[in-house]
């Protein structure tokens, strides 16, 4: 029995939820190929992003990066800014896993810019925190503090801890 692309997508999501990342990746790969054959470019790009996440969880960062590359352009062409931002975030995560930190920060920042355009403050905060963590990891403490402040400013409903952190980060300036 041949599965439809939508069924392959569901199979991939179920496998991912069951932490069967290689199986999830294969289902997403097949769904992406099927959607591409059907000229459903946006759905194919979405499956490639799902594939990227599964491959990253399976500790295959180079394959994850390859899967996500250029999907941002597909989402840009159909004016889906949220998915375009997520595509940059997926690329950034793979670049980070490959220790290509400068490229990862640039991709996270592009993702954050796009999330800001569509008022997705919490998602913007998430990617900005990831960029700040890389800066911290690579010894760029001051830049990290400014990134963290930006991520806290972007958050719609900061937690009590985040408000305290924001207070203390003011002194880094």
Protein backbone atom coordinates (compact mmCIF):
# COMPACT_ATOMS: atom_id res chain seq x y z
CA UNK A 1 0.00 0.00 0.00
CA UNK A 2 1.39 3.36 -1.03
CA UNK A 3 0.92 6.17 1.45
CA UNK A 4 -0.15 9.65 0.40
CA UNK A 5 2.14 12.58 1.21
CA UNK A 6 -0.25 13.63 4.01
CA UNK A 7 -0.14 10.11 5.47
CA UNK A 8 3.66 10.12 5.26
CA UNK A 9 3.66 13.46 7.08
CA UNK A 10 1.48 11.98 9.85
CA UNK A 11 3.69 8.88 10.02
CA UNK A 12 6.74 11.14 10.34
CA UNK A 13 5.16 13.17 13.13
CA UNK A 14 4.15 10.02 15.00
CA UNK A 15 7.64 8.54 14.63
CA UNK A 16 9.15 11.82 15.80
CA UNK A 17 6.88 11.87 18.86
CA UNK A 18 7.99 8.30 19.57
CA UNK A 19 11.64 9.45 19.36
CA UNK A 20 12.19 7.30 16.28
CA UNK A 21 14.07 10.05 14.47
CA UNK A 22 15.55 8.04 11.60
CA UNK A 23 12.12 6.60 10.78
CA UNK A 24 10.59 10.08 11.04
CA UNK A 25 13.26 11.47 8.73
CA UNK A 26 12.55 8.81 6.11
CA UNK A 27 8.80 9.50 6.22
CA UNK A 28 9.37 13.26 5.88
CA UNK A 29 11.85 12.67 3.04
CA UNK A 30 9.30 10.58 1.14
CA UNK A 31 6.55 13.15 1.79
CA UNK A 32 8.81 15.97 0.54
CA UNK A 33 9.58 14.03 -2.65
CA UNK A 34 5.90 13.24 -3.23
CA UNK A 35 4.84 16.85 -2.72
CA UNK A 36 7.63 18.02 -5.04
CA UNK A 37 6.43 15.62 -7.75
CA UNK A 38 2.92 17.01 -7.33
CA UNK A 39 4.33 20.56 -7.73
CA UNK A 40 3.25 21.41 -4.16
CA UNK A 41 6.41 23.40 -3.44
CA UNK A 42 5.34 24.95 -0.15
CA UNK A 43 4.28 21.59 1.28
CA UNK A 44 7.51 20.01 0.02
CA UNK A 45 9.48 22.77 1.76
CA UNK A 46 7.53 22.22 4.97
CA UNK A 47 8.36 18.49 4.83
CA UNK A 48 12.03 19.35 4.24
CA UNK A 49 11.98 21.48 7.38
CA UNK A 50 10.39 18.63 9.33
CA UNK A 51 13.07 16.38 7.85
CA UNK A 52 15.74 18.82 9.02
CA UNK A 53 14.45 18.76 12.60
CA UNK A 54 14.30 14.95 12.62
CA UNK A 55 17.82 14.66 11.20
CA UNK A 56 19.13 17.09 13.79
CA UNK A 57 17.57 14.97 16.52
CA UNK A 58 19.18 11.90 14.92
CA UNK A 59 22.54 13.70 15.25
CA UNK A 60 22.96 14.24 11.52
CA UNK A 61 23.53 18.01 11.36
CA UNK A 62 25.03 18.18 7.86
CA UNK A 63 22.05 16.32 6.41
CA UNK A 64 19.74 18.52 8.50
CA UNK A 65 21.32 21.64 7.01
CA UNK A 66 21.08 20.26 3.48
CA UNK A 67 17.39 19.48 3.98
CA UNK A 68 16.54 22.99 5.23
CA UNK A 69 18.65 25.00 2.79
CA UNK A 70 16.68 27.19 0.39
CA UNK A 71 13.32 26.32 1.95
CA UNK A 72 13.25 29.92 3.20
CA UNK A 73 13.13 31.06 -0.44
CA UNK A 74 10.12 28.84 -1.15
CA UNK A 75 8.23 30.31 1.82
CA UNK A 76 9.27 33.82 0.77
CA UNK A 77 7.83 33.19 -2.71
CA UNK A 78 4.45 32.24 -1.23
CA UNK A 79 4.65 35.08 1.32
CA UNK A 80 4.54 32.78 4.36
CA UNK A 81 6.76 34.84 6.67
CA UNK A 82 6.27 32.61 9.72
CA UNK A 83 7.43 29.47 7.91
CA UNK A 84 10.25 31.46 6.30
CA UNK A 85 11.41 32.52 9.77
CA UNK A 86 11.17 28.92 11.00
CA UNK A 87 13.23 27.76 8.02
CA UNK A 88 16.00 30.19 8.97
CA UNK A 89 15.74 28.92 12.54
CA UNK A 90 16.13 25.32 11.38
CA UNK A 91 19.14 26.26 9.25
CA UNK A 92 20.63 28.09 12.23
CA UNK A 93 20.17 25.10 14.53
CA UNK A 94 21.96 22.83 12.04
CA UNK A 95 24.76 25.37 11.57
CA UNK A 96 25.13 25.59 15.34
CA UNK A 97 25.38 21.80 15.61
CA UNK A 98 28.10 21.95 12.94
CA UNK A 99 29.92 24.58 15.07
CA UNK A 100 29.56 27.16 12.29
CA UNK A 101 28.68 29.72 14.90
CA UNK A 102 28.91 32.99 12.95
CA UNK A 103 26.63 31.62 10.23
CA UNK A 104 24.26 30.26 12.87
CA UNK A 105 24.00 33.63 14.61
CA UNK A 106 23.31 35.35 11.28
CA UNK A 107 20.53 32.86 10.49
CA UNK A 108 19.03 33.20 13.98
CA UNK A 109 19.08 36.98 13.60
CA UNK A 110 17.35 36.78 10.21
CA UNK A 111 14.75 34.50 11.78
CA UNK A 112 14.24 36.99 14.63
CA UNK A 113 13.78 39.86 12.17
CA UNK A 114 11.08 37.94 10.32
CA UNK A 115 9.30 36.94 13.53
CA UNK A 116 9.34 40.63 14.55
CA UNK A 117 7.67 41.58 11.25
CA UNK A 118 4.68 39.40 12.06
CA UNK A 119 4.54 40.17 15.80
CA UNK A 120 5.60 36.69 16.94
CA UNK A 121 7.34 37.96 20.08
CA UNK A 122 7.73 34.61 21.84
CA UNK A 123 9.21 32.90 18.77
CA UNK A 124 11.47 35.92 18.20
CA UNK A 125 12.61 35.70 21.83
CA UNK A 126 13.38 32.01 21.42
CA UNK A 127 15.68 32.49 18.42
CA UNK A 128 17.31 35.54 19.99
CA UNK A 129 18.09 33.47 23.10
CA UNK A 130 19.69 30.86 20.85
CA UNK A 131 21.85 33.54 19.22
CA UNK A 132 22.77 34.90 22.66
CA UNK A 133 23.73 31.41 23.84
CA UNK A 134 26.13 31.04 20.92
CA UNK A 135 27.67 34.42 21.70
CA UNK A 136 28.10 33.33 25.31
CA UNK A 137 29.57 29.98 24.27
CA UNK A 138 32.07 31.67 21.96
CA UNK A 139 33.19 34.19 24.59
CA UNK A 140 31.37 37.23 23.26
CA UNK A 141 29.91 38.08 26.67
CA UNK A 142 28.89 41.69 26.07
CA UNK A 143 27.22 40.86 22.75
CA UNK A 144 25.50 37.96 24.47
CA UNK A 145 24.10 40.24 27.15
CA UNK A 146 22.72 42.63 24.54
CA UNK A 147 21.17 39.72 22.60
CA UNK A 148 19.62 38.39 25.80
CA UNK A 149 18.21 41.84 26.60
CA UNK A 150 16.74 42.00 23.12
CA UNK A 151 15.17 38.58 23.51
CA UNK A 152 13.62 39.60 26.82
CA UNK A 153 12.27 42.81 25.28
CA UNK A 154 10.72 40.76 22.47
CA UNK A 155 8.84 38.43 24.80
CA UNK A 156 5.14 39.20 25.13
CA UNK A 157 4.74 37.85 28.66
CA UNK A 158 8.11 37.56 30.43
CA UNK A 159 8.21 35.27 33.44
CA UNK A 160 9.18 36.49 36.91
CA UNK A 161 12.72 35.12 36.38
CA UNK A 162 13.00 36.84 33.00
CA UNK A 163 11.94 40.18 34.51
CA UNK A 164 14.64 39.81 37.19
CA UNK A 165 17.21 38.88 34.55
CA UNK A 166 16.22 41.93 32.52
CA UNK A 167 16.72 44.11 35.59
CA UNK A 168 20.26 42.80 36.15
CA UNK A 169 21.21 42.92 32.49
CA UNK A 170 20.66 46.68 32.52
CA UNK A 171 23.91 46.99 34.49
CA UNK A 172 25.95 45.39 31.68
CA UNK A 173 25.39 48.47 29.53
